[in-house]
PDB file of N, CA and C in Angstrom:
ATOM      1  N   MET A   1     -14.531-105.000  37.382  1.00  0.00           N
ATOM      2  CA  MET A   1     -14.465-104.624  35.988  1.00  0.00           C
ATOM      3  C   MET A   1     -13.316-103.630  35.778  1.00  0.00           C
ATOM      4  N   LYS A   2     -12.436-103.939  34.857  1.00  0.00           N
ATOM      5  CA  LYS A   2     -11.276-103.105  34.595  1.00  0.00           C
ATOM      6  C   LYS A   2     -11.528-102.277  33.331  1.00  0.00           C
ATOM      7  N   ILE A   3     -11.417-100.952  33.462  1.00  0.00           N
ATOM      8  CA  ILE A   3     -11.619-100.073  32.318  1.00  0.00           C
ATOM      9  C   ILE A   3     -10.323 -99.332  32.050  1.00  0.00           C
ATOM     10  N   GLY A   4      -9.823 -99.456  30.837  1.00  0.00           N
ATOM     11  CA  GLY A   4      -8.599 -98.759  30.455  1.00  0.00           C
ATOM     12  C   GLY A   4      -8.913 -97.585  29.548  1.00  0.00           C
ATOM     13  N   LEU A   5      -8.186 -96.549  29.721  1.00  0.00           N
ATOM     14  CA  LEU A   5      -8.404 -95.341  28.930  1.00  0.00           C
ATOM     15  C   LEU A   5      -8.241 -95.615  27.436  1.00  0.00           C
ATOM     16  N   TYR A   6      -7.257 -96.418  27.074  1.00  0.00           N
ATOM     17  CA  TYR A   6      -6.968 -96.667  25.670  1.00  0.00           C
ATOM     18  C   TYR A   6      -7.351 -98.070  25.221  1.00  0.00           C
ATOM     19  N   LYS A   7      -8.168 -98.753  25.975  1.00  0.00           N
ATOM     20  CA  LYS A   7      -8.465-100.150  25.695  1.00  0.00           C
ATOM     21  C   LYS A   7      -8.964-100.382  24.272  1.00  0.00           C
ATOM     22  N   THR A   8      -9.886 -99.586  23.802  1.00  0.00           N
ATOM     23  CA  THR A   8     -10.441 -99.816  22.466  1.00  0.00           C
ATOM     24  C   THR A   8     -10.026 -98.753  21.459  1.00  0.00           C
ATOM     25  N   ASP A   9      -9.217 -97.798  21.886  1.00  0.00           N
ATOM     26  CA  ASP A   9      -8.783 -96.737  20.992  1.00  0.00           C
ATOM     27  C   ASP A   9      -7.492 -97.121  20.296  1.00  0.00           C
ATOM     28  N   GLU A  10      -7.357 -96.652  19.056  1.00  0.00           N
ATOM     29  CA  GLU A  10      -6.109 -96.846  18.338  1.00  0.00           C
ATOM     30  C   GLU A  10      -5.176 -95.698  18.716  1.00  0.00           C
ATOM     31  N   ILE A  11      -3.943 -96.018  19.002  1.00  0.00           N
ATOM     32  CA  ILE A  11      -2.972 -95.017  19.419  1.00  0.00           C
ATOM     33  C   ILE A  11      -2.113 -94.626  18.210  1.00  0.00           C
ATOM     34  N   PHE A  12      -2.022 -93.314  17.975  1.00  0.00           N
ATOM     35  CA  PHE A  12      -1.189 -92.775  16.907  1.00  0.00           C
ATOM     36  C   PHE A  12      -0.020 -92.027  17.530  1.00  0.00           C
ATOM     37  N   ILE A  13       1.167 -92.254  16.989  1.00  0.00           N
ATOM     38  CA  ILE A  13       2.379 -91.634  17.490  1.00  0.00           C
ATOM     39  C   ILE A  13       2.930 -90.745  16.384  1.00  0.00           C
ATOM     40  N   LEU A  14       2.996 -89.443  16.648  1.00  0.00           N
ATOM     41  CA  LEU A  14       3.489 -88.497  15.661  1.00  0.00           C
ATOM     42  C   LEU A  14       4.996 -88.338  15.815  1.00  0.00           C
ATOM     43  N   LYS A  15       5.711 -88.607  14.727  1.00  0.00           N
ATOM     44  CA  LYS A  15       7.169 -88.486  14.701  1.00  0.00           C
ATOM     45  C   LYS A  15       7.581 -87.753  13.431  1.00  0.00           C
ATOM     46  N   ARG A  16       8.863 -87.536  13.312  1.00  0.00           N
ATOM     47  CA  ARG A  16       9.433 -87.016  12.071  1.00  0.00           C
ATOM     48  C   ARG A  16      10.445 -88.010  11.546  1.00  0.00           C
ATOM     49  N   LYS A  17      10.571 -88.050  10.235  1.00  0.00           N
ATOM     50  CA  LYS A  17      11.534 -88.957   9.612  1.00  0.00           C
ATOM     51  C   LYS A  17      12.963 -88.470   9.834  1.00  0.00           C
ATOM     52  N   ASP A  18      13.164 -87.173   9.791  1.00  0.00           N
ATOM     53  CA  ASP A  18      14.485 -86.574   9.955  1.00  0.00           C
ATOM     54  C   ASP A  18      14.597 -86.048  11.388  1.00  0.00           C
ATOM     55  N   THR A  19      15.369 -86.740  12.217  1.00  0.00           N
ATOM     56  CA  THR A  19      15.476 -86.394  13.633  1.00  0.00           C
ATOM     57  C   THR A  19      16.076 -85.005  13.844  1.00  0.00           C
ATOM     58  N   TRP A  20      17.029 -84.608  13.008  1.00  0.00           N
ATOM     59  CA  TRP A  20      17.631 -83.279  13.146  1.00  0.00           C
ATOM     60  C   TRP A  20      16.577 -82.193  12.903  1.00  0.00           C
ATOM     61  N   LYS A  21      15.789 -82.334  11.840  1.00  0.00           N
ATOM     62  CA  LYS A  21      14.741 -81.341  11.565  1.00  0.00           C
ATOM     63  C   LYS A  21      13.689 -81.350  12.668  1.00  0.00           C
ATOM     64  N   TRP A  22      13.393 -82.508  13.189  1.00  0.00           N
ATOM     65  CA  TRP A  22      12.451 -82.630  14.295  1.00  0.00           C
ATOM     66  C   TRP A  22      12.976 -81.854  15.508  1.00  0.00           C
ATOM     67  N   PHE A  23      14.253 -82.065  15.804  1.00  0.00           N
ATOM     68  CA  PHE A  23      14.855 -81.353  16.925  1.00  0.00           C
ATOM     69  C   PHE A  23      14.872 -79.844  16.684  1.00  0.00           C
ATOM     70  N   LEU A  24      15.219 -79.414  15.471  1.00  0.00           N
ATOM     71  CA  LEU A  24      15.241 -77.982  15.170  1.00  0.00           C
ATOM     72  C   LEU A  24      13.878 -77.348  15.404  1.00  0.00           C
ATOM     73  N   SER A  25      12.838 -78.034  15.018  1.00  0.00           N
ATOM     74  CA  SER A  25      11.485 -77.535  15.247  1.00  0.00           C
ATOM     75  C   SER A  25      11.214 -77.418  16.740  1.00  0.00           C
ATOM     76  N   PHE A  26      11.554 -78.452  17.482  1.00  0.00           N
ATOM     77  CA  PHE A  26      11.374 -78.458  18.939  1.00  0.00           C
ATOM     78  C   PHE A  26      12.201 -77.349  19.586  1.00  0.00           C
ATOM     79  N   LEU A  27      13.445 -77.204  19.145  1.00  0.00           N
ATOM     80  CA  LEU A  27      14.346 -76.181  19.665  1.00  0.00           C
ATOM     81  C   LEU A  27      13.778 -74.787  19.416  1.00  0.00           C
ATOM     82  N   PHE A  28      13.332 -74.541  18.191  1.00  0.00           N
ATOM     83  CA  PHE A  28      12.771 -73.234  17.840  1.00  0.00           C
ATOM     84  C   PHE A  28      11.525 -72.937  18.672  1.00  0.00           C
ATOM     85  N   GLN A  29      10.640 -73.920  18.793  1.00  0.00           N
ATOM     86  CA  GLN A  29       9.422 -73.707  19.572  1.00  0.00           C
ATOM     87  C   GLN A  29       9.757 -73.438  21.041  1.00  0.00           C
ATOM     88  N   ASP A  30      10.695 -74.186  21.579  1.00  0.00           N
ATOM     89  CA  ASP A  30      11.093 -73.976  22.966  1.00  0.00           C
ATOM     90  C   ASP A  30      11.732 -72.590  23.129  1.00  0.00           C
ATOM     91  N   PHE A  31      12.565 -72.227  22.180  1.00  0.00           N
ATOM     92  CA  PHE A  31      13.257 -70.938  22.193  1.00  0.00           C
ATOM     93  C   PHE A  31      12.279 -69.765  22.146  1.00  0.00           C
ATOM     94  N   THR A  32      11.196 -69.924  21.391  1.00  0.00           N
ATOM     95  CA  THR A  32      10.201 -68.849  21.252  1.00  0.00           C
ATOM     96  C   THR A  32       9.058 -68.980  22.246  1.00  0.00           C
ATOM     97  N   GLY A  33       9.199 -69.874  23.209  1.00  0.00           N
ATOM     98  CA  GLY A  33       8.151 -70.050  24.213  1.00  0.00           C
ATOM     99  C   GLY A  33       6.883 -70.642  23.637  1.00  0.00           C
ATOM    100  N   TRP A  34       6.997 -71.403  22.549  1.00  0.00           N
ATOM    101  CA  TRP A  34       5.879 -72.093  21.898  1.00  0.00           C
ATOM    102  C   TRP A  34       4.826 -71.115  21.386  1.00  0.00           C
ATOM    103  N   LYS A  35       5.241 -69.886  21.088  1.00  0.00           N
ATOM    104  CA  LYS A  35       4.305 -68.871  20.595  1.00  0.00           C
ATOM    105  C   LYS A  35       3.779 -69.164  19.201  1.00  0.00           C
ATOM    106  N   LEU A  36       4.490 -69.990  18.437  1.00  0.00           N
ATOM    107  CA  LEU A  36       4.062 -70.308  17.073  1.00  0.00           C
ATOM    108  C   LEU A  36       3.605 -71.756  16.936  1.00  0.00           C
ATOM    109  N   ALA A  37       3.233 -72.368  18.027  1.00  0.00           N
ATOM    110  CA  ALA A  37       2.812 -73.772  17.986  1.00  0.00           C
ATOM    111  C   ALA A  37       1.547 -73.953  17.149  1.00  0.00           C
ATOM    112  N   SER A  38       0.741 -72.928  17.053  1.00  0.00           N
ATOM    113  CA  SER A  38      -0.465 -72.978  16.222  1.00  0.00           C
ATOM    114  C   SER A  38      -0.297 -71.958  15.104  1.00  0.00           C
ATOM    115  N   PHE A  39       0.610 -72.235  14.200  1.00  0.00           N
ATOM    116  CA  PHE A  39       0.986 -71.329  13.119  1.00  0.00           C
ATOM    117  C   PHE A  39      -0.095 -71.302  12.047  1.00  0.00           C
ATOM    118  N   THR A  40      -0.557 -70.096  11.713  1.00  0.00           N
ATOM    119  CA  THR A  40      -1.600 -69.979  10.693  1.00  0.00           C
ATOM    120  C   THR A  40      -1.136 -69.237   9.443  1.00  0.00           C
ATOM    121  N   ASN A  41      -0.239 -68.275   9.604  1.00  0.00           N
ATOM    122  CA  ASN A  41       0.273 -67.565   8.430  1.00  0.00           C
ATOM    123  C   ASN A  41       1.552 -66.821   8.791  1.00  0.00           C
ATOM    124  N   GLU A  42       2.191 -66.286   7.764  1.00  0.00           N
ATOM    125  CA  GLU A  42       3.491 -65.646   7.985  1.00  0.00           C
ATOM    126  C   GLU A  42       3.406 -64.380   8.823  1.00  0.00           C
ATOM    127  N   ALA A  43       2.233 -63.813   8.954  1.00  0.00           N
ATOM    128  CA  ALA A  43       2.080 -62.641   9.822  1.00  0.00           C
ATOM    129  C   ALA A  43       2.399 -63.005  11.270  1.00  0.00           C
ATOM    130  N   ASN A  44       2.167 -64.275  11.636  1.00  0.00           N
ATOM    131  CA  ASN A  44       2.510 -64.729  12.982  1.00  0.00           C
ATOM    132  C   ASN A  44       4.010 -64.579  13.261  1.00  0.00           C
ATOM    133  N   LEU A  45       4.824 -64.749  12.241  1.00  0.00           N
ATOM    134  CA  LEU A  45       6.275 -64.660  12.419  1.00  0.00           C
ATOM    135  C   LEU A  45       6.696 -63.266  12.856  1.00  0.00           C
ATOM    136  N   LYS A  46       5.969 -62.263  12.425  1.00  0.00           N
ATOM    137  CA  LYS A  46       6.310 -60.889  12.788  1.00  0.00           C
ATOM    138  C   LYS A  46       6.067 -60.617  14.266  1.00  0.00           C
ATOM    139  N   THR A  47       5.302 -61.485  14.919  1.00  0.00           N
ATOM    140  CA  THR A  47       5.050 -61.301  16.349  1.00  0.00           C
ATOM    141  C   THR A  47       6.237 -61.756  17.196  1.00  0.00           C
ATOM    142  N   ILE A  48       7.186 -62.450  16.586  1.00  0.00           N
ATOM    143  CA  ILE A  48       8.357 -62.935  17.303  1.00  0.00           C
ATOM    144  C   ILE A  48       9.500 -61.950  17.105  1.00  0.00           C
ATOM    145  N   ASP A  49       9.839 -61.240  18.155  1.00  0.00           N
ATOM    146  CA  ASP A  49      10.992 -60.341  18.130  1.00  0.00           C
ATOM    147  C   ASP A  49      12.151 -61.096  18.755  1.00  0.00           C
ATOM    148  N   ILE A  50      13.055 -61.535  17.916  1.00  0.00           N
ATOM    149  CA  ILE A  50      14.155 -62.382  18.367  1.00  0.00           C
ATOM    150  C   ILE A  50      14.992 -61.681  19.441  1.00  0.00           C
ATOM    151  N   ASN A  51      15.008 -60.368  19.457  1.00  0.00           N
ATOM    152  CA  ASN A  51      15.809 -59.626  20.430  1.00  0.00           C
ATOM    153  C   ASN A  51      15.193 -59.622  21.826  1.00  0.00           C
ATOM    154  N   THR A  52      13.906 -59.947  21.927  1.00  0.00           N
ATOM    155  CA  THR A  52      13.259 -59.937  23.237  1.00  0.00           C
ATOM    156  C   THR A  52      13.136 -61.336  23.825  1.00  0.00           C
ATOM    157  N   LEU A  53      13.685 -62.311  23.131  1.00  0.00           N
ATOM    158  CA  LEU A  53      13.600 -63.684  23.630  1.00  0.00           C
ATOM    159  C   LEU A  53      14.647 -63.932  24.701  1.00  0.00           C
ATOM    160  N   PHE A  54      14.728 -65.148  25.120  1.00  0.00           N
ATOM    161  CA  PHE A  54      15.586 -65.530  26.230  1.00  0.00           C
ATOM    162  C   PHE A  54      17.055 -65.247  25.943  1.00  0.00           C
ATOM    163  N   THR A  55      17.646 -64.332  26.686  1.00  0.00           N
ATOM    164  CA  THR A  55      19.053 -64.013  26.474  1.00  0.00           C
ATOM    165  C   THR A  55      19.963 -65.081  27.087  1.00  0.00           C
ATOM    166  N   ASP A  56      19.438 -65.820  28.047  1.00  0.00           N
ATOM    167  CA  ASP A  56      20.240 -66.859  28.683  1.00  0.00           C
ATOM    168  C   ASP A  56      19.724 -68.251  28.308  1.00  0.00           C
ATOM    169  N   TYR A  57      19.228 -68.387  27.094  1.00  0.00           N
ATOM    170  CA  TYR A  57      18.642 -69.643  26.641  1.00  0.00           C
ATOM    171  C   TYR A  57      19.680 -70.762  26.655  1.00  0.00           C
ATOM    172  N   ASN A  58      19.322 -71.887  27.252  1.00  0.00           N
ATOM    173  CA  ASN A  58      20.226 -73.026  27.355  1.00  0.00           C
ATOM    174  C   ASN A  58      19.714 -74.157  26.464  1.00  0.00           C
ATOM    175  N   TYR A  59      20.294 -74.275  25.272  1.00  0.00           N
ATOM    176  CA  TYR A  59      19.864 -75.300  24.326  1.00  0.00           C
ATOM    177  C   TYR A  59      20.126 -76.717  24.851  1.00  0.00           C
ATOM    178  N   LYS A  60      21.067 -76.888  25.772  1.00  0.00           N
ATOM    179  CA  LYS A  60      21.380 -78.226  26.284  1.00  0.00           C
ATOM    180  C   LYS A  60      20.209 -78.820  27.057  1.00  0.00           C
ATOM    181  N   THR A  61      19.470 -77.979  27.757  1.00  0.00           N
ATOM    182  CA  THR A  61      18.274 -78.448  28.458  1.00  0.00           C
ATOM    183  C   THR A  61      17.238 -78.934  27.452  1.00  0.00           C
ATOM    184  N   THR A  62      17.053 -78.164  26.375  1.00  0.00           N
ATOM    185  CA  THR A  62      16.102 -78.539  25.325  1.00  0.00           C
ATOM    186  C   THR A  62      16.545 -79.823  24.640  1.00  0.00           C
ATOM    187  N   LEU A  63      17.829 -79.957  24.400  1.00  0.00           N
ATOM    188  CA  LEU A  63      18.370 -81.156  23.766  1.00  0.00           C
ATOM    189  C   LEU A  63      18.081 -82.398  24.594  1.00  0.00           C
ATOM    190  N   LYS A  64      18.327 -82.321  25.877  1.00  0.00           N
ATOM    191  CA  LYS A  64      18.052 -83.453  26.768  1.00  0.00           C
ATOM    192  C   LYS A  64      16.555 -83.765  26.799  1.00  0.00           C
ATOM    193  N   GLN A  65      15.749 -82.726  26.926  1.00  0.00           N
ATOM    194  CA  GLN A  65      14.301 -82.926  26.964  1.00  0.00           C
ATOM    195  C   GLN A  65      13.802 -83.561  25.663  1.00  0.00           C
ATOM    196  N   PHE A  66      14.301 -83.094  24.528  1.00  0.00           N
ATOM    197  CA  PHE A  66      13.895 -83.646  23.235  1.00  0.00           C
ATOM    198  C   PHE A  66      14.185 -85.143  23.159  1.00  0.00           C
ATOM    199  N   PHE A  67      15.404 -85.535  23.514  1.00  0.00           N
ATOM    200  CA  PHE A  67      15.755 -86.950  23.406  1.00  0.00           C
ATOM    201  C   PHE A  67      15.041 -87.803  24.456  1.00  0.00           C
ATOM    202  N   ASP A  68      14.715 -87.235  25.602  1.00  0.00           N
ATOM    203  CA  ASP A  68      13.895 -87.960  26.574  1.00  0.00           C
ATOM    204  C   ASP A  68      12.515 -88.253  25.985  1.00  0.00           C
ATOM    205  N   ILE A  69      11.919 -87.247  25.355  1.00  0.00           N
ATOM    206  CA  ILE A  69      10.597 -87.418  24.735  1.00  0.00           C
ATOM    207  C   ILE A  69      10.687 -88.399  23.573  1.00  0.00           C
ATOM    208  N   LYS A  70      11.714 -88.250  22.729  1.00  0.00           N
ATOM    209  CA  LYS A  70      11.881 -89.153  21.587  1.00  0.00           C
ATOM    210  C   LYS A  70      12.020 -90.602  22.050  1.00  0.00           C
ATOM    211  N   ASN A  71      12.813 -90.814  23.088  1.00  0.00           N
ATOM    212  CA  ASN A  71      12.991 -92.175  23.609  1.00  0.00           C
ATOM    213  C   ASN A  71      11.693 -92.739  24.160  1.00  0.00           C
ATOM    214  N   GLN A  72      10.885 -91.910  24.795  1.00  0.00           N
ATOM    215  CA  GLN A  72       9.576 -92.363  25.282  1.00  0.00           C
ATOM    216  C   GLN A  72       8.668 -92.732  24.111  1.00  0.00           C
ATOM    217  N   LEU A  73       8.674 -91.915  23.073  1.00  0.00           N
ATOM    218  CA  LEU A  73       7.856 -92.214  21.893  1.00  0.00           C
ATOM    219  C   LEU A  73       8.318 -93.500  21.211  1.00  0.00           C
ATOM    220  N   ASP A  74       9.631 -93.733  21.189  1.00  0.00           N
ATOM    221  CA  ASP A  74      10.169 -94.947  20.569  1.00  0.00           C
ATOM    222  C   ASP A  74       9.710 -96.209  21.301  1.00  0.00           C
ATOM    223  N   ARG A  75       9.385 -96.088  22.573  1.00  0.00           N
ATOM    224  CA  ARG A  75       8.943 -97.249  23.362  1.00  0.00           C
ATOM    225  C   ARG A  75       7.421 -97.467  23.288  1.00  0.00           C
ATOM    226  N   CYS A  76       6.703 -96.488  22.735  1.00  0.00           N
ATOM    227  CA  CYS A  76       5.237 -96.599  22.677  1.00  0.00           C
ATOM    228  C   CYS A  76       4.800 -97.576  21.597  1.00  0.00           C
ATOM    229  N   ALA A  77       3.704 -98.275  21.886  1.00  0.00           N
ATOM    230  CA  ALA A  77       3.099 -99.156  20.900  1.00  0.00           C
ATOM    231  C   ALA A  77       1.940 -98.405  20.250  1.00  0.00           C
ATOM    232  N   GLY A  78       1.934 -98.410  18.947  1.00  0.00           N
ATOM    233  CA  GLY A  78       0.866 -97.734  18.223  1.00  0.00           C
ATOM    234  C   GLY A  78       1.261 -97.538  16.778  1.00  0.00           C
ATOM    235  N   THR A  79       0.418 -96.861  16.059  1.00  0.00           N
ATOM    236  CA  THR A  79       0.663 -96.576  14.649  1.00  0.00           C
ATOM    237  C   THR A  79       1.441 -95.275  14.540  1.00  0.00           C
ATOM    238  N   VAL A  80       2.604 -95.348  13.903  1.00  0.00           N
ATOM    239  CA  VAL A  80       3.439 -94.163  13.736  1.00  0.00           C
ATOM    240  C   VAL A  80       2.960 -93.389  12.514  1.00  0.00           C
ATOM    241  N   ILE A  81       2.779 -92.084  12.718  1.00  0.00           N
ATOM    242  CA  ILE A  81       2.442 -91.175  11.631  1.00  0.00           C
ATOM    243  C   ILE A  81       3.570 -90.152  11.569  1.00  0.00           C
ATOM    244  N   TYR A  82       4.008 -89.857  10.346  1.00  0.00           N
ATOM    245  CA  TYR A  82       5.101 -88.911  10.192  1.00  0.00           C
ATOM    246  C   TYR A  82       4.575 -87.533   9.800  1.00  0.00           C
ATOM    247  N   TYR A  83       5.093 -86.541  10.478  1.00  0.00           N
ATOM    248  CA  TYR A  83       4.720 -85.143  10.258  1.00  0.00           C
ATOM    249  C   TYR A  83       4.863 -84.758   8.787  1.00  0.00           C
ATOM    250  N   GLU A  84       5.941 -85.223   8.164  1.00  0.00           N
ATOM    251  CA  GLU A  84       6.197 -84.877   6.767  1.00  0.00           C
ATOM    252  C   GLU A  84       5.113 -85.396   5.831  1.00  0.00           C
ATOM    253  N   ASP A  85       4.393 -86.429   6.260  1.00  0.00           N
ATOM    254  CA  ASP A  85       3.357 -87.025   5.416  1.00  0.00           C
ATOM    255  C   ASP A  85       1.979 -86.399   5.609  1.00  0.00           C
ATOM    256  N   LEU A  86       1.849 -85.531   6.596  1.00  0.00           N
ATOM    257  CA  LEU A  86       0.550 -84.919   6.857  1.00  0.00           C
ATOM    258  C   LEU A  86       0.219 -83.864   5.804  1.00  0.00           C
ATOM    259  N   ASN A  87      -1.042 -83.796   5.444  1.00  0.00           N
ATOM    260  CA  ASN A  87      -1.523 -82.824   4.472  1.00  0.00           C
ATOM    261  C   ASN A  87      -2.253 -81.722   5.223  1.00  0.00           C
ATOM    262  N   TYR A  88      -1.703 -80.528   5.180  1.00  0.00           N
ATOM    263  CA  TYR A  88      -2.288 -79.403   5.900  1.00  0.00           C
ATOM    264  C   TYR A  88      -3.112 -78.496   4.984  1.00  0.00           C
ATOM    265  N   SER A  89      -3.394 -78.918   3.775  1.00  0.00           N
ATOM    266  CA  SER A  89      -4.070 -78.030   2.832  1.00  0.00           C
ATOM    267  C   SER A  89      -5.509 -77.717   3.229  1.00  0.00           C
ATOM    268  N   ASN A  90      -6.149 -78.566   3.991  1.00  0.00           N
ATOM    269  CA  ASN A  90      -7.542 -78.341   4.376  1.00  0.00           C
ATOM    270  C   ASN A  90      -7.705 -77.865   5.816  1.00  0.00           C
ATOM    271  N   THR A  91      -6.633 -77.348   6.416  1.00  0.00           N
ATOM    272  CA  THR A  91      -6.712 -76.897   7.806  1.00  0.00           C
ATOM    273  C   THR A  91      -6.300 -75.439   7.916  1.00  0.00           C
ATOM    274  N   ARG A  92      -6.688 -74.835   9.007  1.00  0.00           N
ATOM    275  CA  ARG A  92      -6.311 -73.444   9.284  1.00  0.00           C
ATOM    276  C   ARG A  92      -4.817 -73.344   9.593  1.00  0.00           C
ATOM    277  N   ASN A  93      -4.286 -74.341  10.275  1.00  0.00           N
ATOM    278  CA  ASN A  93      -2.866 -74.331  10.646  1.00  0.00           C
ATOM    279  C   ASN A  93      -2.000 -74.744   9.465  1.00  0.00           C
ATOM    280  N   LYS A  94      -0.784 -74.253   9.461  1.00  0.00           N
ATOM    281  CA  LYS A  94       0.189 -74.536   8.402  1.00  0.00           C
ATOM    282  C   LYS A  94       1.412 -75.194   9.016  1.00  0.00           C
ATOM    283  N   LYS A  95       2.214 -75.829   8.177  1.00  0.00           N
ATOM    284  CA  LYS A  95       3.471 -76.393   8.640  1.00  0.00           C
ATOM    285  C   LYS A  95       4.485 -75.258   8.776  1.00  0.00           C
ATOM    286  N   LEU A  96       4.836 -74.948   9.987  1.00  0.00           N
ATOM    287  CA  LEU A  96       5.783 -73.864  10.247  1.00  0.00           C
ATOM    288  C   LEU A  96       7.112 -74.121   9.544  1.00  0.00           C
ATOM    289  N   SER A  97       7.513 -75.364   9.473  1.00  0.00           N
ATOM    290  CA  SER A  97       8.801 -75.712   8.870  1.00  0.00           C
ATOM    291  C   SER A  97       8.869 -75.362   7.385  1.00  0.00           C
ATOM    292  N   ASN A  98       7.728 -75.154   6.742  1.00  0.00           N
ATOM    293  CA  ASN A  98       7.721 -74.724   5.339  1.00  0.00           C
ATOM    294  C   ASN A  98       7.929 -73.213   5.209  1.00  0.00           C
ATOM    295  N   HIS A  99       7.915 -72.482   6.325  1.00  0.00           N
ATOM    296  CA  HIS A  99       7.977 -71.028   6.291  1.00  0.00           C
ATOM    297  C   HIS A  99       9.153 -70.430   7.067  1.00  0.00           C
ATOM    298  N   VAL A 100       9.853 -71.255   7.826  1.00  0.00           N
ATOM    299  CA  VAL A 100      10.927 -70.751   8.682  1.00  0.00           C
ATOM    300  C   VAL A 100      12.187 -71.589   8.484  1.00  0.00           C
ATOM    301  N   CYS A 101      13.309 -70.903   8.383  1.00  0.00           N
ATOM    302  CA  CYS A 101      14.599 -71.590   8.412  1.00  0.00           C
ATOM    303  C   CYS A 101      15.087 -71.506   9.853  1.00  0.00           C
ATOM    304  N   TYR A 102      14.852 -72.564  10.605  1.00  0.00           N
ATOM    305  CA  TYR A 102      15.148 -72.556  12.039  1.00  0.00           C
ATOM    306  C   TYR A 102      16.604 -72.211  12.341  1.00  0.00           C
ATOM    307  N   GLU A 103      17.511 -72.710  11.513  1.00  0.00           N
ATOM    308  CA  GLU A 103      18.933 -72.522  11.767  1.00  0.00           C
ATOM    309  C   GLU A 103      19.325 -71.039  11.846  1.00  0.00           C
ATOM    310  N   GLU A 104      18.606 -70.189  11.120  1.00  0.00           N
ATOM    311  CA  GLU A 104      18.942 -68.759  11.086  1.00  0.00           C
ATOM    312  C   GLU A 104      18.727 -68.064  12.435  1.00  0.00           C
ATOM    313  N   TYR A 105      17.966 -68.670  13.316  1.00  0.00           N
ATOM    314  CA  TYR A 105      17.672 -68.061  14.605  1.00  0.00           C
ATOM    315  C   TYR A 105      18.754 -68.321  15.655  1.00  0.00           C
ATOM    316  N   PHE A 106      19.717 -69.178  15.317  1.00  0.00           N
ATOM    317  CA  PHE A 106      20.730 -69.568  16.298  1.00  0.00           C
ATOM    318  C   PHE A 106      22.123 -69.297  15.744  1.00  0.00           C
ATOM    319  N   ASN A 107      22.837 -68.371  16.367  1.00  0.00           N
ATOM    320  CA  ASN A 107      24.171 -68.045  15.873  1.00  0.00           C
ATOM    321  C   ASN A 107      25.191 -69.130  16.218  1.00  0.00           C
ATOM    322  N   ASN A 108      24.819 -70.073  17.067  1.00  0.00           N
ATOM    323  CA  ASN A 108      25.721 -71.166  17.446  1.00  0.00           C
ATOM    324  C   ASN A 108      25.204 -72.517  16.939  1.00  0.00           C
ATOM    325  N   ILE A 109      24.557 -72.510  15.782  1.00  0.00           N
ATOM    326  CA  ILE A 109      23.907 -73.729  15.270  1.00  0.00           C
ATOM    327  C   ILE A 109      24.908 -74.868  15.049  1.00  0.00           C
ATOM    328  N   ASN A 110      26.138 -74.560  14.679  1.00  0.00           N
ATOM    329  CA  ASN A 110      27.137 -75.627  14.477  1.00  0.00           C
ATOM    330  C   ASN A 110      27.471 -76.329  15.788  1.00  0.00           C
ATOM    331  N   ILE A 111      27.554 -75.566  16.866  1.00  0.00           N
ATOM    332  CA  ILE A 111      27.819 -76.147  18.185  1.00  0.00           C
ATOM    333  C   ILE A 111      26.619 -76.997  18.623  1.00  0.00           C
ATOM    334  N   ILE A 112      25.432 -76.472  18.388  1.00  0.00           N
ATOM    335  CA  ILE A 112      24.215 -77.220  18.730  1.00  0.00           C
ATOM    336  C   ILE A 112      24.174 -78.531  17.952  1.00  0.00           C
ATOM    337  N   LYS A 113      24.524 -78.501  16.665  1.00  0.00           N
ATOM    338  CA  LYS A 113      24.523 -79.709  15.837  1.00  0.00           C
ATOM    339  C   LYS A 113      25.546 -80.731  16.362  1.00  0.00           C
ATOM    340  N   GLU A 114      26.690 -80.270  16.790  1.00  0.00           N
ATOM    341  CA  GLU A 114      27.701 -81.181  17.366  1.00  0.00           C
ATOM    342  C   GLU A 114      27.158 -81.870  18.614  1.00  0.00           C
ATOM    343  N   GLU A 115      26.517 -81.108  19.475  1.00  0.00           N
ATOM    344  CA  GLU A 115      25.916 -81.682  20.696  1.00  0.00           C
ATOM    345  C   GLU A 115      24.798 -82.655  20.335  1.00  0.00           C
ATOM    346  N   PHE A 116      23.984 -82.299  19.359  1.00  0.00           N
ATOM    347  CA  PHE A 116      22.899 -83.164  18.893  1.00  0.00           C
ATOM    348  C   PHE A 116      23.456 -84.508  18.418  1.00  0.00           C
ATOM    349  N   ASN A 117      24.530 -84.468  17.654  1.00  0.00           N
ATOM    350  CA  ASN A 117      25.137 -85.691  17.112  1.00  0.00           C
ATOM    351  C   ASN A 117      25.650 -86.625  18.201  1.00  0.00           C
ATOM    352  N   LYS A 118      25.975 -86.090  19.358  1.00  0.00           N
ATOM    353  CA  LYS A 118      26.416 -86.938  20.468  1.00  0.00           C
ATOM    354  C   LYS A 118      25.269 -87.774  21.011  1.00  0.00           C
ATOM    355  N   TYR A 119      24.047 -87.250  20.924  1.00  0.00           N
ATOM    356  CA  TYR A 119      22.863 -87.973  21.382  1.00  0.00           C
ATOM    357  C   TYR A 119      22.353 -88.952  20.348  1.00  0.00           C
ATOM    358  N   ASP A 120      22.348 -88.499  19.095  1.00  0.00           N
ATOM    359  CA  ASP A 120      21.684 -89.250  18.024  1.00  0.00           C
ATOM    360  C   ASP A 120      22.407 -90.527  17.656  1.00  0.00           C
TER     361      ASP A 120
END
């Protein structure tokens, strides 16, 4: 008898419609050590002291990792759900992207965008 973990379950794949915004979110979370992955309110933002974060942060590693994950998700079979379409009004967690301008955290955002465009 063969039993599969997902045999009778429906598989949902969470993606974003805008790949650049998706990457910025991933980049910011990686940069902050995923401290805001469960964002509940703007008071959480005050817990992030940008000056104490990684001084030798290498965005190229994050860029490669992001596109590796994206490519794996693109090969998955299942129902795609887009982050932008989710309704967070009835949950404790909030959409961090509605409260943070990710680009402001990176003084080299133009260089990062150029590197991103080489992958995309």
